[in-house]
């Protein structure tokens, strides 16, 4: 599951990526500094994992991870191949969700490709390029659908009607994600892989003075995306980069306190990406290892077991489940069992975020 960072050149994408992954991607004050996408595996901050480590005292702790991709800056004309546009758009297509970085700060030392700071205009530039590419994809699919519908197949005819409705929606300057659809239509459109149908998180890159409260540009962005029901967060990316360079936890906390922040904003971004990808966490806890496992929301117990090993899913018998709050309240697995708080679940059990699980299987 990949989450791609997109935006115009020079808005702070690579600096953000470096903060997230410590991969030290090249960051410079000129367009197209990033050409090949940088990819990093990012650990998901989770206070529950720290608490379980404290209680269990395992030999090692393994956090959940999410894959972040730093995609080169898009420019006007990308949908027609400008600025290596086709390559960039292809990189976006491979991602499951998007973090769209918008510049919401003034700095005369950092050039802007359009000569001035205007996050709403920048957002529209990216939107238009992605929508144009989606229109191209849609027209190809519609042409194919119409040919298939000539046989009189009702399902193919429904597909034609749906795509023609969506075409009107795109022509009005809207993204696919704001297109109303039922469950059947959603499944059909998912197969089309439209770029503007991907879940999106808008990240406003602000200056240090705006790190705690945001600024007027952030408010304008929130207003502009209201119809999309997308989350908007703000972050002083350059400041986060400075924090990340500090060697000790204590030094980082002092820096954050001076800014009036409770935690590094980068943690909020990572959790936002995790949520955007529709992911959640369950835990396994033992003396050898306490581990956070990443699953899609809605996974059944056998599917969750399969993330550990396919044999666990194939030979699934049952799952022993402890709720995180019960584990913390009673302090150990033994105490939870004695209190009758351990439940035994079968194949239909839907795993909940934070469940602590032990699987029984036979292959």
Protein backbone atom coordinates (compact mmCIF):
# COMPACT_ATOMS: atom_id res chain seq x y z
CA UNK A 1 0.00 0.00 0.00
CA UNK A 2 1.73 3.15 -1.24
CA UNK A 3 0.96 6.77 -0.40
CA UNK A 4 2.38 9.26 -2.93
CA UNK A 5 3.52 12.81 -2.13
CA UNK A 6 2.55 15.17 -4.98
CA UNK A 7 2.63 18.90 -5.63
CA UNK A 8 4.26 21.58 -7.76
CA UNK A 9 8.08 21.82 -7.78
CA UNK A 10 9.66 23.59 -4.77
CA UNK A 11 6.75 23.21 -2.33
CA UNK A 12 8.68 21.01 0.13
CA UNK A 13 7.86 17.46 -1.02
CA UNK A 14 11.37 16.04 -0.79
CA UNK A 15 12.06 17.77 2.54
CA UNK A 16 8.82 16.24 3.84
CA UNK A 17 9.84 12.84 2.50
CA UNK A 18 13.23 13.12 4.23
CA UNK A 19 11.51 13.91 7.52
CA UNK A 20 9.20 10.93 7.09
CA UNK A 21 11.72 8.34 6.04
CA UNK A 22 15.15 9.74 6.97
CA UNK A 23 16.09 8.58 3.47
CA UNK A 24 17.82 11.92 2.75
CA UNK A 25 16.36 12.38 -0.74
CA UNK A 26 18.05 15.20 -2.65
CA UNK A 27 16.42 18.53 -1.76
CA UNK A 28 17.30 21.70 -3.62
CA UNK A 29 15.91 25.06 -4.67
CA UNK A 30 15.17 24.32 -8.32
CA UNK A 31 12.38 22.57 -10.24
CA UNK A 32 12.65 18.86 -11.09
CA UNK A 33 15.21 18.16 -8.39
CA UNK A 34 13.37 14.85 -8.01
CA UNK A 35 13.08 12.86 -11.24
CA UNK A 36 12.99 9.21 -10.17
CA UNK A 37 10.50 8.68 -7.33
CA UNK A 38 12.05 8.12 -3.90
CA UNK A 39 10.46 5.33 -1.86
CA UNK A 40 10.67 4.92 1.90
CA UNK A 41 9.16 2.59 4.50
CA UNK A 42 7.92 4.71 7.40
CA UNK A 43 7.23 3.45 10.93
CA UNK A 44 3.77 4.41 12.21
CA UNK A 45 3.96 6.13 15.64
CA UNK A 46 1.65 4.32 18.08
CA UNK A 47 1.54 4.98 21.84
CA UNK A 48 -0.16 1.58 22.31
CA UNK A 49 2.97 -0.21 21.11
CA UNK A 50 5.06 1.69 23.68
CA UNK A 51 2.63 0.72 26.45
CA UNK A 52 2.68 -2.95 25.44
CA UNK A 53 6.48 -2.88 25.42
CA UNK A 54 6.41 -1.48 28.95
CA UNK A 55 4.06 -4.27 30.16
CA UNK A 56 5.46 -7.27 28.26
CA UNK A 57 9.19 -6.33 28.21
CA UNK A 58 9.83 -8.27 24.96
CA UNK A 59 13.20 -8.92 23.30
CA UNK A 60 12.18 -6.68 20.41
CA UNK A 61 9.40 -4.36 19.22
CA UNK A 62 8.28 -4.10 15.57
CA UNK A 63 6.04 -1.16 14.57
CA UNK A 64 3.58 -1.01 11.69
CA UNK A 65 4.90 0.61 8.50
CA UNK A 66 3.52 2.49 5.54
CA UNK A 67 5.21 3.02 2.17
CA UNK A 68 5.69 6.66 1.13
CA UNK A 69 6.64 7.70 -2.43
CA UNK A 70 8.14 11.12 -3.21
CA UNK A 71 6.93 11.91 -6.74
CA UNK A 72 8.59 14.62 -8.81
CA UNK A 73 6.86 18.00 -9.10
CA UNK A 74 4.03 18.33 -11.60
CA UNK A 75 3.68 21.39 -13.84
CA UNK A 76 1.10 22.79 -16.26
CA UNK A 77 0.95 20.56 -19.33
CA UNK A 78 1.94 17.39 -17.44
CA UNK A 79 -1.07 15.58 -18.91
CA UNK A 80 0.41 16.30 -22.36
CA UNK A 81 3.89 15.20 -21.35
CA UNK A 82 5.35 18.53 -20.18
CA UNK A 83 8.09 18.28 -17.56
CA UNK A 84 8.33 14.48 -17.84
CA UNK A 85 4.60 14.56 -17.14
CA UNK A 86 3.67 11.09 -18.36
CA UNK A 87 6.29 9.49 -16.11
CA UNK A 88 5.07 11.47 -13.09
CA UNK A 89 1.44 10.66 -13.75
CA UNK A 90 2.36 7.00 -14.09
CA UNK A 91 4.03 7.14 -10.66
CA UNK A 92 0.82 8.58 -9.17
CA UNK A 93 -1.24 5.82 -10.79
CA UNK A 94 0.82 3.21 -8.90
CA UNK A 95 -0.04 4.81 -5.53
CA UNK A 96 -3.14 3.97 -3.49
CA UNK A 97 -3.54 7.43 -1.94
CA UNK A 98 -2.15 10.94 -2.29
CA UNK A 99 -0.62 13.52 0.05
CA UNK A 100 -0.91 16.81 -1.86
CA UNK A 101 1.63 19.35 -0.54
CA UNK A 102 0.67 23.01 -0.92
CA UNK A 103 3.05 25.90 -0.27
CA UNK A 104 1.53 28.20 2.34
CA UNK A 105 4.54 30.31 3.28
CA UNK A 106 6.48 33.29 1.92
CA UNK A 107 10.25 33.02 1.41
CA UNK A 108 12.06 35.14 -1.19
CA UNK A 109 14.96 32.68 -1.15
CA UNK A 110 12.80 29.81 -2.43
CA UNK A 111 11.57 30.28 -5.98
CA UNK A 112 8.00 29.48 -6.98
CA UNK A 113 7.42 28.11 -10.49
CA UNK A 114 4.53 30.57 -11.00
CA UNK A 115 6.30 33.54 -9.39
CA UNK A 116 4.06 33.98 -6.32
CA UNK A 117 2.56 32.05 -3.42
CA UNK A 118 -1.06 30.99 -4.01
CA UNK A 119 -1.96 27.50 -2.74
CA UNK A 120 -5.47 27.60 -4.28
CA UNK A 121 -4.04 28.29 -7.74
CA UNK A 122 -1.39 25.60 -7.18
CA UNK A 123 -4.05 23.08 -6.16
CA UNK A 124 -6.06 23.87 -9.28
CA UNK A 125 -2.97 23.42 -11.48
CA UNK A 126 -2.47 19.89 -10.17
CA UNK A 127 -6.21 19.14 -10.24
CA UNK A 128 -6.52 20.20 -13.89
CA UNK A 129 -3.58 18.04 -15.00
CA UNK A 130 -4.90 14.98 -13.16
CA UNK A 131 -8.45 15.60 -14.42
CA UNK A 132 -7.22 15.93 -18.01
CA UNK A 133 -5.41 12.63 -17.70
CA UNK A 134 -8.55 11.06 -16.22
CA UNK A 135 -10.59 12.43 -19.12
CA UNK A 136 -8.18 10.76 -21.53
CA UNK A 137 -8.52 7.48 -19.60
CA UNK A 138 -12.32 7.84 -19.48
CA UNK A 139 -12.68 8.48 -23.23
CA UNK A 140 -10.66 5.37 -24.05
CA UNK A 141 -12.73 3.30 -21.64
CA UNK A 142 -16.01 4.80 -22.88
CA UNK A 143 -15.12 3.99 -26.49
CA UNK A 144 -14.38 0.40 -25.50
CA UNK A 145 -17.57 0.23 -23.41
CA UNK A 146 -19.76 1.49 -26.28
CA UNK A 147 -18.39 -1.18 -28.62
CA UNK A 148 -19.12 -3.87 -26.02
CA UNK A 149 -22.64 -2.47 -25.45
CA UNK A 150 -23.57 -2.95 -29.12
CA UNK A 151 -24.30 -6.59 -28.28
CA UNK A 152 -27.22 -5.36 -26.16
CA UNK A 153 -25.65 -6.59 -22.91
CA UNK A 154 -27.45 -4.71 -20.13
CA UNK A 155 -24.39 -4.51 -17.84
CA UNK A 156 -22.32 -2.96 -20.64
CA UNK A 157 -25.08 -0.42 -21.34
CA UNK A 158 -25.16 0.54 -17.64
CA UNK A 159 -21.39 1.07 -17.85
CA UNK A 160 -21.82 3.44 -20.80
CA UNK A 161 -24.44 5.52 -18.95
CA UNK A 162 -22.23 5.69 -15.85
CA UNK A 163 -19.17 6.82 -17.82
CA UNK A 164 -21.16 9.45 -19.72
CA UNK A 165 -22.40 10.86 -16.40
CA UNK A 166 -18.85 10.88 -15.08
CA UNK A 167 -17.62 12.63 -18.24
CA UNK A 168 -20.07 15.49 -17.59
CA UNK A 169 -18.83 15.63 -13.99
CA UNK A 170 -15.19 15.94 -15.13
CA UNK A 171 -16.05 18.52 -17.80
CA UNK A 172 -17.46 20.72 -15.02
CA UNK A 173 -13.98 20.81 -13.44
CA UNK A 174 -14.64 18.23 -10.72
CA UNK A 175 -12.49 15.33 -9.58
CA UNK A 176 -13.74 11.74 -9.76
CA UNK A 177 -13.68 11.37 -5.96
CA UNK A 178 -16.59 13.84 -5.63
CA UNK A 179 -18.73 11.84 -8.08
CA UNK A 180 -21.77 10.26 -6.35
CA UNK A 181 -22.08 6.51 -6.87
CA UNK A 182 -23.66 3.38 -5.45
CA UNK A 183 -21.72 0.26 -4.45
CA UNK A 184 -21.96 -1.34 -7.89
CA UNK A 185 -20.79 1.83 -9.67
CA UNK A 186 -17.95 2.22 -7.15
CA UNK A 187 -16.68 -1.26 -8.02
CA UNK A 188 -16.86 -0.48 -11.74
CA UNK A 189 -14.97 2.84 -11.37
CA UNK A 190 -12.34 1.27 -9.13
CA UNK A 191 -11.31 -0.89 -12.06
CA UNK A 192 -10.73 2.26 -14.18
CA UNK A 193 -7.94 3.52 -11.84
CA UNK A 194 -8.74 7.22 -12.17
CA UNK A 195 -6.06 9.46 -10.66
CA UNK A 196 -8.53 11.90 -9.08
CA UNK A 197 -10.48 9.05 -7.46
CA UNK A 198 -7.66 8.26 -5.06
CA UNK A 199 -8.15 9.28 -1.40
CA UNK A 200 -6.33 12.56 -0.73
CA UNK A 201 -4.84 14.44 2.20
CA UNK A 202 -3.94 18.11 1.71
CA UNK A 203 -0.80 19.12 3.58
CA UNK A 204 -0.23 22.87 3.92
CA UNK A 205 3.48 23.62 4.28
CA UNK A 206 3.65 26.67 6.59
CA UNK A 207 6.42 28.73 8.18
CA UNK A 208 7.59 28.18 11.76
CA UNK A 209 5.43 31.01 13.13
CA UNK A 210 2.31 29.23 11.80
CA UNK A 211 3.26 25.73 13.03
CA UNK A 212 0.79 25.79 15.94
CA UNK A 213 -2.24 27.73 14.65
CA UNK A 214 -1.88 27.65 10.83
CA UNK A 215 -2.47 30.82 8.79
CA UNK A 216 -4.90 32.52 6.38
CA UNK A 217 -3.77 30.36 3.45
CA UNK A 218 -4.55 27.18 5.43
CA UNK A 219 -8.07 28.50 6.06
CA UNK A 220 -8.51 29.22 2.33
CA UNK A 221 -7.41 25.68 1.46
CA UNK A 222 -9.90 24.20 3.95
CA UNK A 223 -12.67 26.24 2.35
CA UNK A 224 -11.60 25.27 -1.19
CA UNK A 225 -11.68 21.52 -0.49
CA UNK A 226 -14.84 21.45 1.63
CA UNK A 227 -16.87 19.66 -1.09
CA UNK A 228 -14.23 16.91 -1.36
CA UNK A 229 -14.54 15.89 2.30
CA UNK A 230 -10.74 15.63 2.32
CA UNK A 231 -8.65 16.17 5.43
CA UNK A 232 -6.40 19.25 5.60
CA UNK A 233 -3.41 19.39 7.94
CA UNK A 234 -0.66 21.98 8.26
CA UNK A 235 2.98 21.46 9.03
CA UNK A 236 6.15 23.60 9.11
CA UNK A 237 8.16 21.15 6.99
CA UNK A 238 11.50 23.01 7.24
CA UNK A 239 11.13 23.20 11.03
CA UNK A 240 10.27 19.48 11.19
CA UNK A 241 13.48 18.82 9.24
CA UNK A 242 15.44 20.76 11.91
CA UNK A 243 13.74 18.74 14.67
CA UNK A 244 14.55 15.48 12.90
CA UNK A 245 18.26 16.43 12.88
CA UNK A 246 18.40 16.64 16.69
CA UNK A 247 20.07 13.61 18.23
CA UNK A 248 18.10 12.95 21.40
CA UNK A 249 14.42 12.61 22.26
CA UNK A 250 14.86 15.22 25.02
CA UNK A 251 16.26 17.80 22.58
CA UNK A 252 13.39 17.21 20.19
CA UNK A 253 10.83 17.59 22.99
CA UNK A 254 12.36 20.90 24.12
CA UNK A 255 12.18 22.20 20.53
CA UNK A 256 8.52 21.13 20.25
CA UNK A 257 7.63 22.73 23.59
CA UNK A 258 9.18 26.01 22.43
CA UNK A 259 6.83 25.89 19.44
CA UNK A 260 3.86 25.02 21.65
CA UNK A 261 3.44 21.58 20.04
CA UNK A 262 2.68 18.32 21.86
CA UNK A 263 4.32 16.05 19.29
CA UNK A 264 6.20 16.22 16.01
CA UNK A 265 3.81 17.14 13.19
CA UNK A 266 5.40 14.43 11.09
CA UNK A 267 3.68 11.85 13.36
CA UNK A 268 0.32 13.39 12.43
CA UNK A 269 1.21 13.08 8.73
CA UNK A 270 2.18 9.40 9.05
CA UNK A 271 -1.00 8.53 10.93
CA UNK A 272 -2.96 10.54 8.36
CA UNK A 273 -1.39 8.52 5.53
CA UNK A 274 -2.19 5.28 7.36
CA UNK A 275 -5.82 6.34 7.79
CA UNK A 276 -5.97 7.53 4.17
CA UNK A 277 -4.98 4.07 2.97
CA UNK A 278 -7.87 2.64 5.05
CA UNK A 279 -5.47 0.70 7.24
CA UNK A 280 -5.60 -0.32 10.89
CA UNK A 281 -3.43 -2.20 13.37
CA UNK A 282 -3.67 -5.32 15.46
CA UNK A 283 -0.96 -6.58 17.80
CA UNK A 284 0.75 -9.81 18.78
CA UNK A 285 2.44 -9.71 22.19
CA UNK A 286 4.89 -12.22 23.65
CA UNK A 287 8.28 -12.38 25.38
CA UNK A 288 10.17 -12.66 22.11
CA UNK A 289 8.31 -9.89 20.26
CA UNK A 290 5.62 -7.26 20.50
CA UNK A 291 4.53 -6.41 16.99
CA UNK A 292 2.04 -4.17 15.21
CA UNK A 293 0.50 -5.78 12.10
CA UNK A 294 -1.04 -3.71 9.32
CA UNK A 295 -4.37 -4.81 7.83
CA UNK A 296 -7.17 -3.25 5.79
CA UNK A 297 -10.22 -2.16 7.78
CA UNK A 298 -12.87 -4.85 7.61
CA UNK A 299 -10.47 -7.82 7.55
CA UNK A 300 -11.77 -11.03 9.11
CA UNK A 301 -9.69 -12.99 11.63
CA UNK A 302 -8.38 -15.47 8.99
CA UNK A 303 -7.41 -12.59 6.66
CA UNK A 304 -5.57 -10.89 9.51
CA UNK A 305 -3.81 -14.17 10.32
CA UNK A 306 -2.75 -14.44 6.67
CA UNK A 307 -0.73 -11.23 7.02
CA UNK A 308 1.59 -13.13 9.38
CA UNK A 309 1.77 -16.23 7.14
CA UNK A 310 -0.49 -17.69 4.45
CA UNK A 311 -0.55 -21.00 6.38
CA UNK A 312 -2.22 -19.20 9.29
CA UNK A 313 -5.10 -18.24 7.00
CA UNK A 314 -5.36 -21.60 5.24
CA UNK A 315 -5.42 -23.61 8.46
CA UNK A 316 -7.23 -21.08 10.64
CA UNK A 317 -9.11 -22.65 13.58
CA UNK A 318 -9.80 -19.74 15.91
CA UNK A 319 -8.41 -16.48 17.26
CA UNK A 320 -7.92 -15.60 20.91
CA UNK A 321 -8.60 -11.87 21.25
CA UNK A 322 -7.81 -9.37 24.01
CA UNK A 323 -8.94 -5.76 23.72
CA UNK A 324 -6.07 -3.29 24.17
CA UNK A 325 -7.87 -1.44 26.98
CA UNK A 326 -8.32 -4.73 28.90
CA UNK A 327 -4.66 -5.70 28.48
CA UNK A 328 -3.58 -2.33 29.88
CA UNK A 329 -6.18 -2.41 32.67
CA UNK A 330 -5.16 -5.89 33.92
CA UNK A 331 -1.46 -5.64 33.05
CA UNK A 332 -0.81 -9.10 31.59
CA UNK A 333 -2.31 -11.85 29.43
CA UNK A 334 -2.63 -14.13 32.46
CA UNK A 335 -4.56 -11.53 34.45
CA UNK A 336 -6.85 -10.87 31.47
CA UNK A 337 -7.64 -14.60 31.20
CA UNK A 338 -8.33 -14.86 34.92
CA UNK A 339 -10.74 -11.92 34.64
CA UNK A 340 -12.58 -13.68 31.79
CA UNK A 341 -11.78 -10.90 29.34
CA UNK A 342 -10.17 -13.06 26.63
CA UNK A 343 -12.63 -13.93 23.86
CA UNK A 344 -12.40 -16.80 21.38
CA UNK A 345 -13.46 -15.79 17.86
CA UNK A 346 -14.17 -17.73 14.68
CA UNK A 347 -13.79 -17.15 10.94
CA UNK A 348 -16.44 -14.41 10.73
CA UNK A 349 -14.89 -12.16 13.37
CA UNK A 350 -14.06 -8.66 12.04
CA UNK A 351 -10.77 -7.55 13.56
CA UNK A 352 -10.94 -4.25 15.46
CA UNK A 353 -8.17 -1.64 15.59
CA UNK A 354 -5.95 -2.37 18.61
CA UNK A 355 -6.95 -6.02 19.10
CA UNK A 356 -4.22 -8.18 20.64
CA UNK A 357 -4.47 -11.56 18.93
CA UNK A 358 -3.19 -15.10 19.13
CA UNK A 359 -4.09 -17.50 16.30
CA UNK A 360 -4.71 -21.24 16.45
CA UNK A 361 -4.23 -23.02 13.13
CA UNK A 362 -3.57 -26.44 11.65
CA UNK A 363 -2.07 -27.09 8.23
